[in-house]
Amino acid sequence: MALKLVIGNKNYSSWSMRPWLALRANDIAFEEVFIPLYTDDKADKERILSFTHSGKVPALIDGDVTVWDSLSIIEYVAERFPEARLWPEDRARRAHARSISAEMHSGFMALRNECGMNLHRPVRAIELSADARANVARIQDIWIDCRERYGKSGPFLFGAFGAADAMFAPVVHRFRTYAIPVAPAATAYMETMMSQPAFQEWTQGGLAETFLIAKLEAV
């Protein structure tokens, strides 16, 4: 039985993007179930609840197992498909990858609030708060540190594309669409991510969507 991944709008749903990339980039077969977000349609809300009582996307359905929350889904997929090597094999590297992924999962609230993911958004800069600028600096430090440590193993954060890259993928779009200046090493990592086939597939899907959410288009 194929996995089912319930996702929201590719244009906006950064949380859906993360596990979708982890699966697609590793050629793990799954059925994509799309439910639009932020609609007033009661049926859409009921559809989400039919998959997960959290009432939120993403959610992964694997037979009688339901997993929700992006990072939990990625952890489940890593256990279910160990051959994908979503986490580094080396224990120290794996701890590092999990730590920065958890930091992404729980942190950087100023950047999230001020620079929502919107693939349709025309590229233009905005005035960021001091907290958001601090978030940008910290993310760059994470990327550059990983590339300096593990760059000999490949072009992604820990060499090959993995869970940590999937967790930071929406930030690449945020930095791009809000024209946020970053150091050359961070730019190089962004270019690597944007050339990744699964990343491009998600991006093209988001750009093809015609449903716009007014409150998310105002920034």
N, C-alpha and C. Protein backbone atom coordinates (compact mmCIF):
# COMPACT_ATOMS: atom_id res chain seq x y z
N MET A 1 0.85 -1.19 0.00
CA MET A 1 0.00 0.00 0.00
C MET A 1 0.88 1.24 0.00
N ALA A 2 0.63 2.15 -0.95
CA ALA A 2 1.44 3.35 -1.07
C ALA A 2 1.17 4.31 0.08
N LEU A 3 2.18 5.03 0.46
CA LEU A 3 2.02 6.08 1.45
C LEU A 3 1.11 7.17 0.88
N LYS A 4 0.42 7.87 1.76
CA LYS A 4 -0.34 9.06 1.38
C LYS A 4 0.22 10.23 2.16
N LEU A 5 0.49 11.33 1.46
CA LEU A 5 0.95 12.54 2.13
C LEU A 5 -0.08 13.63 1.88
N VAL A 6 -0.70 14.08 2.94
CA VAL A 6 -1.72 15.14 2.85
C VAL A 6 -1.00 16.48 3.00
N ILE A 7 -1.16 17.33 1.99
CA ILE A 7 -0.45 18.61 1.99
C ILE A 7 -1.41 19.76 1.71
N GLY A 8 -0.93 20.97 1.98
CA GLY A 8 -1.67 22.18 1.64
C GLY A 8 -1.13 22.80 0.36
N ASN A 9 -1.44 24.06 0.16
CA ASN A 9 -1.03 24.77 -1.05
C ASN A 9 0.49 24.79 -1.19
N LYS A 10 0.99 24.39 -2.34
CA LYS A 10 2.44 24.41 -2.55
C LYS A 10 2.98 25.84 -2.57
N ASN A 11 2.15 26.77 -2.94
CA ASN A 11 2.58 28.16 -2.95
C ASN A 11 2.90 28.69 -1.56
N TYR A 12 2.17 28.23 -0.56
CA TYR A 12 2.26 28.80 0.78
C TYR A 12 2.74 27.85 1.87
N SER A 13 2.48 26.57 1.73
CA SER A 13 2.62 25.66 2.86
C SER A 13 4.06 25.17 3.04
N SER A 14 4.83 25.93 3.80
CA SER A 14 6.22 25.56 4.05
C SER A 14 6.32 24.24 4.80
N TRP A 15 5.39 24.00 5.72
CA TRP A 15 5.44 22.75 6.49
C TRP A 15 5.17 21.54 5.61
N SER A 16 4.28 21.70 4.63
CA SER A 16 4.02 20.59 3.70
C SER A 16 5.23 20.32 2.81
N MET A 17 5.94 21.38 2.45
CA MET A 17 7.08 21.24 1.55
C MET A 17 8.15 20.32 2.12
N ARG A 18 8.37 20.39 3.40
CA ARG A 18 9.49 19.68 4.02
C ARG A 18 9.41 18.15 3.85
N PRO A 19 8.34 17.49 4.32
CA PRO A 19 8.29 16.04 4.13
C PRO A 19 8.09 15.64 2.68
N TRP A 20 7.39 16.48 1.91
CA TRP A 20 7.22 16.19 0.48
C TRP A 20 8.58 16.08 -0.19
N LEU A 21 9.47 17.02 0.09
CA LEU A 21 10.82 16.98 -0.49
C LEU A 21 11.59 15.76 -0.01
N ALA A 22 11.48 15.46 1.29
CA ALA A 22 12.21 14.31 1.82
C ALA A 22 11.82 13.03 1.09
N LEU A 23 10.55 12.89 0.78
CA LEU A 23 10.07 11.71 0.06
C LEU A 23 10.47 11.76 -1.42
N ARG A 24 10.13 12.85 -2.08
CA ARG A 24 10.34 12.93 -3.53
C ARG A 24 11.83 12.90 -3.90
N ALA A 25 12.66 13.58 -3.16
CA ALA A 25 14.08 13.63 -3.48
C ALA A 25 14.75 12.26 -3.34
N ASN A 26 14.10 11.37 -2.60
CA ASN A 26 14.66 10.03 -2.39
C ASN A 26 13.88 8.95 -3.12
N ASP A 27 13.03 9.39 -4.06
CA ASP A 27 12.27 8.45 -4.90
C ASP A 27 11.44 7.46 -4.09
N ILE A 28 10.88 7.94 -2.98
CA ILE A 28 9.97 7.12 -2.18
C ILE A 28 8.56 7.36 -2.67
N ALA A 29 7.90 6.32 -3.13
CA ALA A 29 6.58 6.46 -3.75
C ALA A 29 5.54 6.89 -2.72
N PHE A 30 4.68 7.81 -3.11
CA PHE A 30 3.57 8.22 -2.24
C PHE A 30 2.48 8.85 -3.09
N GLU A 31 1.27 8.80 -2.55
CA GLU A 31 0.13 9.47 -3.17
C GLU A 31 -0.02 10.83 -2.53
N GLU A 32 -0.08 11.86 -3.35
CA GLU A 32 -0.23 13.22 -2.85
C GLU A 32 -1.71 13.56 -2.72
N VAL A 33 -2.11 13.97 -1.53
CA VAL A 33 -3.49 14.37 -1.29
C VAL A 33 -3.48 15.87 -0.97
N PHE A 34 -4.04 16.67 -1.86
CA PHE A 34 -4.02 18.12 -1.69
C PHE A 34 -5.34 18.61 -1.10
N ILE A 35 -5.22 19.41 -0.04
CA ILE A 35 -6.38 20.06 0.56
C ILE A 35 -6.04 21.55 0.71
N PRO A 36 -6.76 22.44 0.05
CA PRO A 36 -6.44 23.87 0.13
C PRO A 36 -6.60 24.41 1.54
N LEU A 37 -5.71 25.33 1.90
CA LEU A 37 -5.71 25.93 3.22
C LEU A 37 -6.42 27.28 3.22
N TYR A 38 -6.82 27.70 4.41
CA TYR A 38 -7.37 29.04 4.64
C TYR A 38 -8.63 29.31 3.80
N THR A 39 -9.41 28.30 3.55
CA THR A 39 -10.68 28.51 2.86
C THR A 39 -11.79 28.51 3.90
N ASP A 40 -12.93 29.00 3.49
CA ASP A 40 -14.09 28.98 4.39
C ASP A 40 -14.96 27.75 4.14
N ASP A 41 -14.46 26.87 3.29
CA ASP A 41 -15.21 25.68 2.92
C ASP A 41 -15.12 24.65 4.05
N LYS A 42 -16.24 24.38 4.67
CA LYS A 42 -16.27 23.43 5.77
C LYS A 42 -15.82 22.05 5.32
N ALA A 43 -16.09 21.72 4.06
CA ALA A 43 -15.71 20.40 3.55
C ALA A 43 -14.19 20.21 3.57
N ASP A 44 -13.45 21.29 3.29
CA ASP A 44 -11.98 21.19 3.32
C ASP A 44 -11.50 20.89 4.73
N LYS A 45 -12.08 21.55 5.71
CA LYS A 45 -11.69 21.31 7.10
C LYS A 45 -12.04 19.89 7.52
N GLU A 46 -13.19 19.42 7.06
CA GLU A 46 -13.59 18.06 7.41
C GLU A 46 -12.70 17.02 6.74
N ARG A 47 -12.23 17.33 5.53
CA ARG A 47 -11.31 16.41 4.85
C ARG A 47 -10.01 16.28 5.62
N ILE A 48 -9.48 17.41 6.10
CA ILE A 48 -8.26 17.34 6.88
C ILE A 48 -8.48 16.50 8.14
N LEU A 49 -9.60 16.74 8.82
CA LEU A 49 -9.91 16.00 10.04
C LEU A 49 -10.11 14.52 9.78
N SER A 50 -10.51 14.18 8.56
CA SER A 50 -10.69 12.76 8.22
C SER A 50 -9.36 12.03 8.16
N PHE A 51 -8.28 12.78 7.97
CA PHE A 51 -6.94 12.18 7.92
C PHE A 51 -6.21 12.29 9.26
N THR A 52 -6.37 13.42 9.95
CA THR A 52 -5.66 13.62 11.21
C THR A 52 -6.47 14.51 12.14
N HIS A 53 -6.57 14.10 13.40
CA HIS A 53 -7.33 14.87 14.38
C HIS A 53 -6.65 16.19 14.73
N SER A 54 -5.40 16.37 14.31
CA SER A 54 -4.73 17.64 14.57
C SER A 54 -5.39 18.78 13.79
N GLY A 55 -6.06 18.42 12.71
CA GLY A 55 -6.70 19.44 11.88
C GLY A 55 -5.73 20.25 11.06
N LYS A 56 -4.49 19.77 10.94
CA LYS A 56 -3.46 20.50 10.22
C LYS A 56 -2.74 19.59 9.24
N VAL A 57 -2.15 20.22 8.23
CA VAL A 57 -1.28 19.49 7.30
C VAL A 57 0.16 19.93 7.57
N PRO A 58 1.11 19.06 7.22
CA PRO A 58 0.98 17.79 6.52
C PRO A 58 0.63 16.65 7.47
N ALA A 59 0.22 15.56 6.85
CA ALA A 59 -0.01 14.31 7.56
C ALA A 59 0.38 13.17 6.65
N LEU A 60 1.02 12.18 7.19
CA LEU A 60 1.43 11.01 6.42
C LEU A 60 0.59 9.82 6.87
N ILE A 61 0.03 9.12 5.89
CA ILE A 61 -0.78 7.93 6.17
C ILE A 61 -0.04 6.72 5.61
N ASP A 62 0.27 5.76 6.47
CA ASP A 62 0.95 4.54 6.06
C ASP A 62 0.15 3.36 6.60
N GLY A 63 -0.84 2.94 5.81
CA GLY A 63 -1.73 1.89 6.29
C GLY A 63 -2.52 2.39 7.49
N ASP A 64 -2.37 1.72 8.63
CA ASP A 64 -3.11 2.13 9.82
C ASP A 64 -2.31 3.08 10.70
N VAL A 65 -1.17 3.56 10.18
CA VAL A 65 -0.33 4.51 10.92
C VAL A 65 -0.53 5.91 10.36
N THR A 66 -0.80 6.87 11.23
CA THR A 66 -0.90 8.27 10.83
C THR A 66 0.14 9.07 11.59
N VAL A 67 0.91 9.85 10.86
CA VAL A 67 1.95 10.67 11.45
C VAL A 67 1.71 12.11 11.02
N TRP A 68 1.73 13.04 11.96
CA TRP A 68 1.55 14.45 11.61
C TRP A 68 2.72 15.25 12.18
N ASP A 69 2.87 16.45 11.67
CA ASP A 69 3.98 17.34 11.98
C ASP A 69 5.17 16.98 11.08
N SER A 70 5.72 18.01 10.41
CA SER A 70 6.76 17.79 9.40
C SER A 70 7.95 16.99 9.91
N LEU A 71 8.50 17.39 11.04
CA LEU A 71 9.70 16.72 11.53
C LEU A 71 9.39 15.30 11.97
N SER A 72 8.24 15.07 12.56
CA SER A 72 7.85 13.71 12.95
C SER A 72 7.69 12.82 11.72
N ILE A 73 7.13 13.39 10.66
CA ILE A 73 6.98 12.62 9.42
C ILE A 73 8.35 12.24 8.86
N ILE A 74 9.26 13.20 8.85
CA ILE A 74 10.60 12.92 8.33
C ILE A 74 11.29 11.86 9.17
N GLU A 75 11.14 11.92 10.48
CA GLU A 75 11.72 10.88 11.35
C GLU A 75 11.12 9.51 11.05
N TYR A 76 9.81 9.48 10.83
CA TYR A 76 9.15 8.22 10.52
C TYR A 76 9.65 7.66 9.20
N VAL A 77 9.74 8.51 8.21
CA VAL A 77 10.22 8.08 6.89
C VAL A 77 11.66 7.58 6.99
N ALA A 78 12.48 8.24 7.79
CA ALA A 78 13.86 7.81 7.95
C ALA A 78 13.94 6.40 8.55
N GLU A 79 13.05 6.09 9.48
CA GLU A 79 13.01 4.75 10.06
C GLU A 79 12.41 3.73 9.10
N ARG A 80 11.40 4.16 8.38
CA ARG A 80 10.69 3.26 7.45
C ARG A 80 11.53 2.93 6.23
N PHE A 81 12.36 3.87 5.80
CA PHE A 81 13.18 3.69 4.60
C PHE A 81 14.63 4.03 4.94
N PRO A 82 15.30 3.20 5.73
CA PRO A 82 16.67 3.52 6.15
C PRO A 82 17.64 3.64 4.97
N GLU A 83 17.31 2.97 3.87
CA GLU A 83 18.19 3.05 2.70
C GLU A 83 18.26 4.45 2.11
N ALA A 84 17.27 5.31 2.43
CA ALA A 84 17.28 6.69 1.93
C ALA A 84 18.33 7.53 2.64
N ARG A 85 18.75 7.11 3.83
CA ARG A 85 19.79 7.82 4.59
C ARG A 85 19.46 9.30 4.75
N LEU A 86 18.26 9.55 5.22
CA LEU A 86 17.85 10.95 5.45
C LEU A 86 18.70 11.62 6.52
N TRP A 87 19.18 10.84 7.48
CA TRP A 87 20.10 11.36 8.48
C TRP A 87 21.49 10.79 8.22
N PRO A 88 22.55 11.54 8.53
CA PRO A 88 23.90 11.01 8.34
C PRO A 88 24.13 9.73 9.12
N GLU A 89 24.96 8.86 8.57
CA GLU A 89 25.26 7.60 9.26
C GLU A 89 26.14 7.81 10.49
N ASP A 90 27.07 8.72 10.40
CA ASP A 90 27.96 9.01 11.53
C ASP A 90 27.16 9.61 12.68
N ARG A 91 27.37 9.11 13.89
CA ARG A 91 26.55 9.53 15.03
C ARG A 91 26.69 11.01 15.33
N ALA A 92 27.90 11.53 15.28
CA ALA A 92 28.11 12.95 15.57
C ALA A 92 27.45 13.83 14.52
N ARG A 93 27.59 13.46 13.25
CA ARG A 93 26.94 14.23 12.18
C ARG A 93 25.42 14.14 12.29
N ARG A 94 24.94 12.95 12.65
CA ARG A 94 23.50 12.77 12.79
C ARG A 94 22.96 13.65 13.92
N ALA A 95 23.69 13.74 15.01
CA ALA A 95 23.28 14.61 16.12
C ALA A 95 23.26 16.07 15.68
N HIS A 96 24.25 16.47 14.90
CA HIS A 96 24.32 17.84 14.39
C HIS A 96 23.13 18.11 13.48
N ALA A 97 22.85 17.18 12.57
CA ALA A 97 21.74 17.35 11.62
C ALA A 97 20.41 17.43 12.36
N ARG A 98 20.23 16.60 13.36
CA ARG A 98 18.97 16.64 14.13
C ARG A 98 18.86 17.93 14.92
N SER A 99 19.96 18.42 15.43
CA SER A 99 19.93 19.64 16.24
C SER A 99 19.53 20.85 15.40
N ILE A 100 20.12 21.00 14.22
CA ILE A 100 19.76 22.17 13.40
C ILE A 100 18.36 22.02 12.83
N SER A 101 17.93 20.78 12.59
CA SER A 101 16.57 20.56 12.09
C SER A 101 15.55 20.93 13.17
N ALA A 102 15.84 20.54 14.41
CA ALA A 102 14.94 20.90 15.52
C ALA A 102 14.94 22.41 15.76
N GLU A 103 16.12 23.03 15.59
CA GLU A 103 16.19 24.49 15.74
C GLU A 103 15.33 25.17 14.68
N MET A 104 15.39 24.66 13.45
CA MET A 104 14.53 25.21 12.39
C MET A 104 13.06 24.99 12.71
N HIS A 105 12.75 23.83 13.23
CA HIS A 105 11.38 23.46 13.53
C HIS A 105 10.75 24.36 14.58
N SER A 106 11.53 24.73 15.59
CA SER A 106 10.96 25.44 16.72
C SER A 106 11.31 26.92 16.78
N GLY A 107 12.23 27.36 15.92
CA GLY A 107 12.73 28.72 16.05
C GLY A 107 12.46 29.62 14.87
N PHE A 108 13.18 30.73 14.86
CA PHE A 108 13.15 31.71 13.76
C PHE A 108 11.76 32.29 13.54
N MET A 109 11.09 32.59 14.65
CA MET A 109 9.70 33.05 14.54
C MET A 109 9.59 34.42 13.89
N ALA A 110 10.53 35.30 14.14
CA ALA A 110 10.46 36.63 13.53
C ALA A 110 10.52 36.52 12.02
N LEU A 111 11.45 35.73 11.51
CA LEU A 111 11.55 35.55 10.06
C LEU A 111 10.29 34.92 9.49
N ARG A 112 9.75 33.92 10.17
CA ARG A 112 8.52 33.28 9.72
C ARG A 112 7.38 34.30 9.63
N ASN A 113 7.24 35.10 10.67
CA ASN A 113 6.12 36.03 10.73
C ASN A 113 6.24 37.17 9.72
N GLU A 114 7.46 37.62 9.48
CA GLU A 114 7.66 38.77 8.59
C GLU A 114 7.83 38.37 7.13
N CYS A 115 8.21 37.14 6.88
CA CYS A 115 8.51 36.70 5.51
C CYS A 115 7.84 35.35 5.24
N GLY A 116 6.52 35.36 5.16
CA GLY A 116 5.79 34.13 4.89
C GLY A 116 6.14 33.56 3.52
N MET A 117 6.11 32.24 3.39
CA MET A 117 6.43 31.64 2.09
C MET A 117 5.32 31.94 1.10
N ASN A 118 5.71 32.45 -0.05
CA ASN A 118 4.77 32.78 -1.12
C ASN A 118 5.55 32.76 -2.42
N LEU A 119 5.45 31.66 -3.16
CA LEU A 119 6.25 31.50 -4.37
C LEU A 119 5.84 32.48 -5.46
N HIS A 120 4.60 32.93 -5.43
CA HIS A 120 4.10 33.89 -6.43
C HIS A 120 4.61 35.31 -6.18
N ARG A 121 5.07 35.56 -4.99
CA ARG A 121 5.41 36.93 -4.62
C ARG A 121 6.51 37.51 -5.51
N PRO A 122 6.31 38.72 -6.07
CA PRO A 122 7.40 39.36 -6.81
C PRO A 122 8.60 39.58 -5.90
N VAL A 123 9.78 39.36 -6.43
CA VAL A 123 10.98 39.51 -5.62
C VAL A 123 11.19 40.97 -5.26
N ARG A 124 11.13 41.26 -3.97
CA ARG A 124 11.39 42.62 -3.50
C ARG A 124 11.70 42.57 -2.01
N ALA A 125 12.53 43.50 -1.58
CA ALA A 125 12.96 43.53 -0.19
C ALA A 125 11.95 44.25 0.68
N ILE A 126 11.95 43.92 1.96
CA ILE A 126 11.16 44.64 2.96
C ILE A 126 12.09 44.99 4.12
N GLU A 127 11.66 45.89 4.96
CA GLU A 127 12.43 46.25 6.14
C GLU A 127 12.22 45.18 7.21
N LEU A 128 13.27 44.48 7.58
CA LEU A 128 13.17 43.43 8.58
C LEU A 128 13.44 43.98 9.97
N SER A 129 12.80 43.40 10.95
CA SER A 129 13.06 43.77 12.34
C SER A 129 14.45 43.27 12.75
N ALA A 130 14.93 43.75 13.87
CA ALA A 130 16.22 43.30 14.39
C ALA A 130 16.20 41.80 14.67
N ASP A 131 15.07 41.30 15.18
CA ASP A 131 14.95 39.87 15.47
C ASP A 131 15.02 39.05 14.19
N ALA A 132 14.35 39.51 13.13
CA ALA A 132 14.38 38.78 11.86
C ALA A 132 15.78 38.80 11.27
N ARG A 133 16.47 39.94 11.38
CA ARG A 133 17.85 40.00 10.87
C ARG A 133 18.76 39.05 11.64
N ALA A 134 18.51 38.93 12.94
CA ALA A 134 19.27 37.97 13.75
C ALA A 134 18.98 36.54 13.30
N ASN A 135 17.73 36.25 12.96
CA ASN A 135 17.37 34.93 12.42
C ASN A 135 18.13 34.64 11.13
N VAL A 136 18.16 35.62 10.25
CA VAL A 136 18.87 35.46 8.97
C VAL A 136 20.35 35.16 9.22
N ALA A 137 20.95 35.90 10.13
CA ALA A 137 22.37 35.70 10.44
C ALA A 137 22.62 34.30 10.99
N ARG A 138 21.74 33.85 11.87
CA ARG A 138 21.91 32.52 12.47
C ARG A 138 21.76 31.43 11.41
N ILE A 139 20.79 31.56 10.53
CA ILE A 139 20.60 30.55 9.49
C ILE A 139 21.81 30.50 8.58
N GLN A 140 22.33 31.66 8.21
CA GLN A 140 23.55 31.67 7.39
C GLN A 140 24.69 30.97 8.11
N ASP A 141 24.85 31.24 9.40
CA ASP A 141 25.91 30.59 10.18
C ASP A 141 25.76 29.07 10.13
N ILE A 142 24.52 28.59 10.26
CA ILE A 142 24.27 27.15 10.22
C ILE A 142 24.69 26.57 8.87
N TRP A 143 24.23 27.20 7.81
CA TRP A 143 24.55 26.70 6.47
C TRP A 143 26.05 26.70 6.21
N ILE A 144 26.69 27.82 6.51
CA ILE A 144 28.12 27.96 6.20
C ILE A 144 28.94 27.00 7.04
N ASP A 145 28.59 26.85 8.31
CA ASP A 145 29.30 25.91 9.18
C ASP A 145 29.18 24.48 8.64
N CYS A 146 27.99 24.08 8.24
CA CYS A 146 27.80 22.72 7.70
C CYS A 146 28.60 22.52 6.41
N ARG A 147 28.57 23.52 5.55
CA ARG A 147 29.29 23.39 4.29
C ARG A 147 30.80 23.33 4.52
N GLU A 148 31.29 24.09 5.50
CA GLU A 148 32.73 24.05 5.79
C GLU A 148 33.13 22.70 6.38
N ARG A 149 32.25 22.14 7.20
CA ARG A 149 32.58 20.86 7.85
C ARG A 149 32.44 19.68 6.90
N TYR A 150 31.36 19.69 6.12
CA TYR A 150 31.00 18.46 5.39
C TYR A 150 31.00 18.64 3.87
N GLY A 151 31.50 19.74 3.39
CA GLY A 151 31.44 20.04 1.96
C GLY A 151 32.15 19.03 1.07
N LYS A 152 33.16 18.34 1.61
CA LYS A 152 33.87 17.36 0.80
C LYS A 152 32.99 16.16 0.45
N SER A 153 31.89 15.97 1.21
CA SER A 153 31.02 14.80 0.99
C SER A 153 29.93 15.07 -0.04
N GLY A 154 29.75 16.32 -0.45
CA GLY A 154 28.69 16.65 -1.41
C GLY A 154 28.24 18.08 -1.22
N PRO A 155 27.32 18.57 -2.06
CA PRO A 155 26.98 19.99 -2.08
C PRO A 155 25.90 20.43 -1.09
N PHE A 156 25.30 19.48 -0.36
CA PHE A 156 24.23 19.85 0.57
C PHE A 156 24.79 20.01 1.98
N LEU A 157 23.93 20.20 2.96
CA LEU A 157 24.40 20.53 4.31
C LEU A 157 25.29 19.45 4.91
N PHE A 158 24.96 18.19 4.66
CA PHE A 158 25.76 17.09 5.18
C PHE A 158 26.27 16.20 4.05
N GLY A 159 26.49 16.80 2.91
CA GLY A 159 26.97 16.06 1.75
C GLY A 159 25.83 15.77 0.79
N ALA A 160 25.17 14.62 0.96
CA ALA A 160 24.00 14.28 0.14
C ALA A 160 22.76 14.97 0.68
N PHE A 161 21.76 15.14 -0.19
CA PHE A 161 20.50 15.74 0.25
C PHE A 161 19.89 14.89 1.35
N GLY A 162 19.46 15.55 2.42
CA GLY A 162 18.90 14.80 3.54
C GLY A 162 17.84 15.57 4.28
N ALA A 163 17.52 15.09 5.46
CA ALA A 163 16.44 15.66 6.26
C ALA A 163 16.68 17.12 6.59
N ALA A 164 17.92 17.48 6.94
CA ALA A 164 18.21 18.86 7.30
C ALA A 164 17.96 19.80 6.13
N ASP A 165 18.31 19.38 4.93
CA ASP A 165 18.05 20.20 3.74
C ASP A 165 16.54 20.38 3.54
N ALA A 166 15.80 19.32 3.74
CA ALA A 166 14.34 19.42 3.60
C ALA A 166 13.76 20.40 4.62
N MET A 167 14.30 20.40 5.82
CA MET A 167 13.78 21.28 6.86
C MET A 167 14.07 22.75 6.55
N PHE A 168 15.20 23.04 5.91
CA PHE A 168 15.56 24.42 5.61
C PHE A 168 15.09 24.88 4.23
N ALA A 169 14.52 23.98 3.44
CA ALA A 169 14.15 24.31 2.06
C ALA A 169 13.24 25.55 1.95
N PRO A 170 12.19 25.69 2.77
CA PRO A 170 11.35 26.88 2.63
C PRO A 170 12.09 28.19 2.87
N VAL A 171 13.14 28.14 3.69
CA VAL A 171 13.91 29.36 3.95
C VAL A 171 14.60 29.84 2.67
N VAL A 172 15.00 28.90 1.83
CA VAL A 172 15.61 29.27 0.55
C VAL A 172 14.65 30.14 -0.25
N HIS A 173 13.37 29.74 -0.28
CA HIS A 173 12.37 30.55 -0.98
C HIS A 173 12.17 31.89 -0.29
N ARG A 174 12.15 31.91 1.02
CA ARG A 174 11.98 33.17 1.73
C ARG A 174 13.12 34.14 1.43
N PHE A 175 14.34 33.65 1.50
CA PHE A 175 15.48 34.51 1.20
C PHE A 175 15.40 35.03 -0.23
N ARG A 176 14.94 34.18 -1.14
CA ARG A 176 14.87 34.59 -2.55
C ARG A 176 13.78 35.63 -2.77
N THR A 177 12.56 35.36 -2.33
CA THR A 177 11.45 36.23 -2.67
C THR A 177 11.48 37.55 -1.92
N TYR A 178 12.14 37.58 -0.76
CA TYR A 178 12.24 38.83 -0.01
C TYR A 178 13.59 39.52 -0.24
N ALA A 179 14.33 39.01 -1.25
CA ALA A 179 15.60 39.62 -1.66
C ALA A 179 16.51 39.88 -0.47
N ILE A 180 16.64 38.88 0.39
CA ILE A 180 17.45 39.02 1.59
C ILE A 180 18.91 38.76 1.24
N PRO A 181 19.78 39.72 1.45
CA PRO A 181 21.20 39.53 1.09
C PRO A 181 21.87 38.52 2.02
N VAL A 182 22.64 37.63 1.43
CA VAL A 182 23.35 36.62 2.22
C VAL A 182 24.78 36.51 1.69
N ALA A 183 25.62 35.88 2.48
CA ALA A 183 27.02 35.72 2.11
C ALA A 183 27.16 34.79 0.90
N PRO A 184 28.26 34.90 0.16
CA PRO A 184 28.46 34.05 -1.02
C PRO A 184 28.31 32.56 -0.74
N ALA A 185 28.80 32.09 0.39
CA ALA A 185 28.69 30.66 0.69
C ALA A 185 27.24 30.25 0.89
N ALA A 186 26.44 31.12 1.50
CA ALA A 186 25.01 30.83 1.67
C ALA A 186 24.29 30.90 0.33
N THR A 187 24.69 31.84 -0.51
CA THR A 187 24.11 31.92 -1.86
C THR A 187 24.39 30.65 -2.65
N ALA A 188 25.61 30.13 -2.53
CA ALA A 188 25.97 28.90 -3.24
C ALA A 188 25.10 27.74 -2.79
N TYR A 189 24.83 27.67 -1.48
CA TYR A 189 23.95 26.61 -0.98
C TYR A 189 22.54 26.79 -1.53
N MET A 190 22.04 28.01 -1.55
CA MET A 190 20.71 28.27 -2.10
C MET A 190 20.63 27.84 -3.56
N GLU A 191 21.65 28.12 -4.32
CA GLU A 191 21.66 27.73 -5.73
C GLU A 191 21.66 26.21 -5.88
N THR A 192 22.39 25.53 -5.00
CA THR A 192 22.37 24.07 -5.00
C THR A 192 20.98 23.54 -4.73
N MET A 193 20.31 24.12 -3.75
CA MET A 193 18.95 23.69 -3.42
C MET A 193 17.99 23.97 -4.57
N MET A 194 18.07 25.15 -5.15
CA MET A 194 17.13 25.53 -6.20
C MET A 194 17.33 24.72 -7.48
N SER A 195 18.49 24.08 -7.62
CA SER A 195 18.72 23.23 -8.79
C SER A 195 18.35 21.77 -8.54
N GLN A 196 18.00 21.45 -7.30
CA GLN A 196 17.63 20.06 -6.97
C GLN A 196 16.28 19.73 -7.63
N PRO A 197 16.17 18.62 -8.37
CA PRO A 197 14.95 18.33 -9.15
C PRO A 197 13.66 18.34 -8.33
N ALA A 198 13.65 17.75 -7.14
CA ALA A 198 12.42 17.73 -6.34
C ALA A 198 12.06 19.15 -5.89
N PHE A 199 13.06 19.94 -5.54
CA PHE A 199 12.82 21.33 -5.16
C PHE A 199 12.19 22.08 -6.33
N GLN A 200 12.72 21.87 -7.52
CA GLN A 200 12.17 22.52 -8.71
C GLN A 200 10.74 22.05 -9.00
N GLU A 201 10.48 20.77 -8.79
CA GLU A 201 9.14 20.24 -9.04
C GLU A 201 8.12 20.89 -8.10
N TRP A 202 8.47 21.00 -6.83
CA TRP A 202 7.56 21.66 -5.87
C TRP A 202 7.34 23.12 -6.28
N THR A 203 8.42 23.80 -6.62
CA THR A 203 8.33 25.21 -7.00
C THR A 203 7.41 25.40 -8.21
N GLN A 204 7.58 24.57 -9.22
CA GLN A 204 6.74 24.67 -10.42
C GLN A 204 5.28 24.41 -10.08
N GLY A 205 5.06 23.45 -9.18
CA GLY A 205 3.69 23.17 -8.76
C GLY A 205 3.07 24.35 -8.04
N GLY A 206 3.86 25.00 -7.18
CA GLY A 206 3.36 26.17 -6.46
C GLY A 206 3.06 27.33 -7.39
N LEU A 207 3.94 27.55 -8.36
CA LEU A 207 3.73 28.66 -9.30
C LEU A 207 2.53 28.41 -10.21
N ALA A 208 2.18 27.15 -10.41
CA ALA A 208 1.04 26.82 -11.27
C ALA A 208 -0.29 26.99 -10.56
N GLU A 209 -0.27 27.11 -9.23
CA GLU A 209 -1.52 27.27 -8.48
C GLU A 209 -2.13 28.65 -8.76
N THR A 210 -3.42 28.68 -8.88
CA THR A 210 -4.11 29.95 -9.15
C THR A 210 -4.87 30.47 -7.94
N PHE A 211 -5.05 29.63 -6.92
CA PHE A 211 -5.76 30.05 -5.71
C PHE A 211 -4.86 30.94 -4.87
N LEU A 212 -5.26 32.18 -4.63
CA LEU A 212 -4.48 33.12 -3.85
C LEU A 212 -5.18 33.42 -2.54
N ILE A 213 -4.41 33.58 -1.48
CA ILE A 213 -4.94 33.89 -0.16
C ILE A 213 -4.63 35.35 0.13
N ALA A 214 -5.65 36.18 0.18
CA ALA A 214 -5.47 37.64 0.25
C ALA A 214 -4.57 38.07 1.39
N LYS A 215 -4.77 37.51 2.58
CA LYS A 215 -4.00 37.96 3.74
C LYS A 215 -2.52 37.60 3.62
N LEU A 216 -2.21 36.60 2.81
CA LEU A 216 -0.83 36.20 2.63
C LEU A 216 -0.18 36.91 1.44
N GLU A 217 -1.00 37.61 0.66
CA GLU A 217 -0.48 38.36 -0.49
C GLU A 217 -0.18 39.80 -0.14
N ALA A 218 -0.49 40.21 1.08
CA ALA A 218 -0.36 41.62 1.43
C ALA A 218 1.05 42.03 1.81
N VAL A 219 1.92 41.06 2.10
CA VAL A 219 3.26 41.39 2.55
C VAL A 219 4.16 41.74 1.37
